[in-house]
């Protein structure tokens, strides 16, 4: 009985590790490839740089969009130029 519980636990752990590895391979590694960097470069979002030593680098040309929206700015509405008078009926 105790051996069966340990085997089920180990199989679950193995499945979890395999799922994490598949997720990493599918999403993280392509995001760091030069293919996606070239797509961003083609759309004008970044540029390749080369320093004096010949090292190739990467520079973003636009500011990233923040995760949390900034608080809305207060607007001042000018008073109307037409005088409005209210009459009692």
C-alpha atoms as a PDB file:
ATOM      1  CA  UNK A   1       0.000   0.000   0.000  1.00  0.00           C
ATOM      2  CA  UNK A   2       2.730   2.447   0.975  1.00  0.00           C
ATOM      3  CA  UNK A   3       4.731   1.643  -2.175  1.00  0.00           C
ATOM      4  CA  UNK A   4       1.721   2.388  -4.395  1.00  0.00           C
ATOM      5  CA  UNK A   5       1.275   5.833  -2.812  1.00  0.00           C
ATOM      6  CA  UNK A   6       4.947   6.657  -3.363  1.00  0.00           C
ATOM      7  CA  UNK A   7       4.741   5.508  -6.998  1.00  0.00           C
ATOM      8  CA  UNK A   8       1.673   7.688  -7.628  1.00  0.00           C
ATOM      9  CA  UNK A   9       3.464  10.646  -6.025  1.00  0.00           C
ATOM     10  CA  UNK A  10       6.585  10.139  -8.140  1.00  0.00           C
ATOM     11  CA  UNK A  11       4.564   9.773 -11.340  1.00  0.00           C
ATOM     12  CA  UNK A  12       2.747  13.028 -10.511  1.00  0.00           C
ATOM     13  CA  UNK A  13       6.026  14.793  -9.876  1.00  0.00           C
ATOM     14  CA  UNK A  14       7.430  13.518 -13.180  1.00  0.00           C
ATOM     15  CA  UNK A  15       4.339  14.750 -15.030  1.00  0.00           C
ATOM     16  CA  UNK A  16       4.704  18.156 -13.387  1.00  0.00           C
ATOM     17  CA  UNK A  17       8.354  18.452 -14.357  1.00  0.00           C
ATOM     18  CA  UNK A  18       7.589  17.397 -17.929  1.00  0.00           C
ATOM     19  CA  UNK A  19       4.749  19.947 -18.150  1.00  0.00           C
ATOM     20  CA  UNK A  20       7.012  22.724 -16.851  1.00  0.00           C
ATOM     21  CA  UNK A  21       9.727  21.786 -19.347  1.00  0.00           C
ATOM     22  CA  UNK A  22       7.233  21.767 -22.229  1.00  0.00           C
ATOM     23  CA  UNK A  23       5.883  25.179 -21.163  1.00  0.00           C
ATOM     24  CA  UNK A  24       9.403  26.624 -20.975  1.00  0.00           C
ATOM     25  CA  UNK A  25      10.376  25.218 -24.351  1.00  0.00           C
ATOM     26  CA  UNK A  26       7.152  26.407 -25.993  1.00  0.00           C
ATOM     27  CA  UNK A  27       6.945  29.957 -24.643  1.00  0.00           C
ATOM     28  CA  UNK A  28      10.161  31.165 -23.057  1.00  0.00           C
ATOM     29  CA  UNK A  29      12.804  30.030 -25.499  1.00  0.00           C
ATOM     30  CA  UNK A  30      11.152  31.398 -28.672  1.00  0.00           C
ATOM     31  CA  UNK A  31      10.725  34.786 -26.985  1.00  0.00           C
ATOM     32  CA  UNK A  32      14.509  35.045 -26.689  1.00  0.00           C
ATOM     33  CA  UNK A  33      15.271  34.038 -30.261  1.00  0.00           C
ATOM     34  CA  UNK A  34      16.497  36.382 -32.959  1.00  0.00           C
ATOM     35  CA  UNK A  35      13.477  35.562 -35.137  1.00  0.00           C
ATOM     36  CA  UNK A  36      11.165  37.522 -32.847  1.00  0.00           C
ATOM     37  CA  UNK A  37      13.740  40.270 -32.406  1.00  0.00           C
ATOM     38  CA  UNK A  38      13.818  40.687 -36.203  1.00  0.00           C
ATOM     39  CA  UNK A  39      10.013  40.920 -36.280  1.00  0.00           C
ATOM     40  CA  UNK A  40      10.136  43.697 -33.665  1.00  0.00           C
ATOM     41  CA  UNK A  41      12.950  45.390 -35.618  1.00  0.00           C
ATOM     42  CA  UNK A  42      10.915  45.280 -38.852  1.00  0.00           C
ATOM     43  CA  UNK A  43       8.016  47.028 -37.119  1.00  0.00           C
ATOM     44  CA  UNK A  44      10.272  49.809 -35.777  1.00  0.00           C
ATOM     45  CA  UNK A  45      10.120  48.850 -32.118  1.00  0.00           C
ATOM     46  CA  UNK A  46      13.833  48.222 -31.590  1.00  0.00           C
ATOM     47  CA  UNK A  47      17.255  48.443 -33.196  1.00  0.00           C
ATOM     48  CA  UNK A  48      20.376  46.321 -33.387  1.00  0.00           C
ATOM     49  CA  UNK A  49      23.513  47.992 -32.055  1.00  0.00           C
ATOM     50  CA  UNK A  50      27.202  47.219 -32.538  1.00  0.00           C
ATOM     51  CA  UNK A  51      29.821  48.627 -30.156  1.00  0.00           C
ATOM     52  CA  UNK A  52      33.504  49.381 -30.870  1.00  0.00           C
ATOM     53  CA  UNK A  53      34.507  45.822 -29.970  1.00  0.00           C
ATOM     54  CA  UNK A  54      32.058  44.350 -32.473  1.00  0.00           C
ATOM     55  CA  UNK A  55      29.595  43.013 -29.913  1.00  0.00           C
ATOM     56  CA  UNK A  56      26.021  42.942 -31.173  1.00  0.00           C
ATOM     57  CA  UNK A  57      23.412  44.336 -28.830  1.00  0.00           C
ATOM     58  CA  UNK A  58      19.719  45.116 -28.689  1.00  0.00           C
ATOM     59  CA  UNK A  59      18.056  48.447 -27.909  1.00  0.00           C
ATOM     60  CA  UNK A  60      14.347  49.172 -27.551  1.00  0.00           C
ATOM     61  CA  UNK A  61      13.200  52.263 -29.450  1.00  0.00           C
ATOM     62  CA  UNK A  62       9.821  52.698 -27.729  1.00  0.00           C
ATOM     63  CA  UNK A  63       8.873  52.818 -24.062  1.00  0.00           C
ATOM     64  CA  UNK A  64       7.130  49.665 -22.817  1.00  0.00           C
ATOM     65  CA  UNK A  65       3.473  49.918 -21.930  1.00  0.00           C
ATOM     66  CA  UNK A  66       3.117  49.793 -18.125  1.00  0.00           C
ATOM     67  CA  UNK A  67       1.147  46.952 -16.572  1.00  0.00           C
ATOM     68  CA  UNK A  68      -0.854  49.265 -14.332  1.00  0.00           C
ATOM     69  CA  UNK A  69      -2.596  52.262 -15.879  1.00  0.00           C
ATOM     70  CA  UNK A  70      -1.533  55.668 -14.657  1.00  0.00           C
ATOM     71  CA  UNK A  71      -4.078  57.740 -12.755  1.00  0.00           C
ATOM     72  CA  UNK A  72      -6.121  59.966 -15.068  1.00  0.00           C
ATOM     73  CA  UNK A  73      -4.969  63.567 -15.350  1.00  0.00           C
ATOM     74  CA  UNK A  74      -7.281  66.252 -14.043  1.00  0.00           C
ATOM     75  CA  UNK A  75      -8.765  68.453 -16.710  1.00  0.00           C
ATOM     76  CA  UNK A  76      -9.869  72.041 -16.257  1.00  0.00           C
ATOM     77  CA  UNK A  77     -13.034  72.994 -18.086  1.00  0.00           C
ATOM     78  CA  UNK A  78     -13.176  76.693 -18.961  1.00  0.00           C
ATOM     79  CA  UNK A  79     -16.328  78.581 -17.983  1.00  0.00           C
ATOM     80  CA  UNK A  80     -18.826  79.222 -20.783  1.00  0.00           C
ATOM     81  CA  UNK A  81     -18.663  82.615 -22.512  1.00  0.00           C
ATOM     82  CA  UNK A  82     -22.463  82.924 -22.737  1.00  0.00           C
ATOM     83  CA  UNK A  83     -24.215  84.212 -19.644  1.00  0.00           C
ATOM     84  CA  UNK A  84     -27.005  81.932 -18.579  1.00  0.00           C
ATOM     85  CA  UNK A  85     -29.731  83.396 -16.473  1.00  0.00           C
ATOM     86  CA  UNK A  86     -32.433  81.376 -14.871  1.00  0.00           C
ATOM     87  CA  UNK A  87     -35.894  82.799 -14.415  1.00  0.00           C
ATOM     88  CA  UNK A  88     -38.505  81.709 -11.939  1.00  0.00           C
ATOM     89  CA  UNK A  89     -41.812  80.842 -13.452  1.00  0.00           C
END
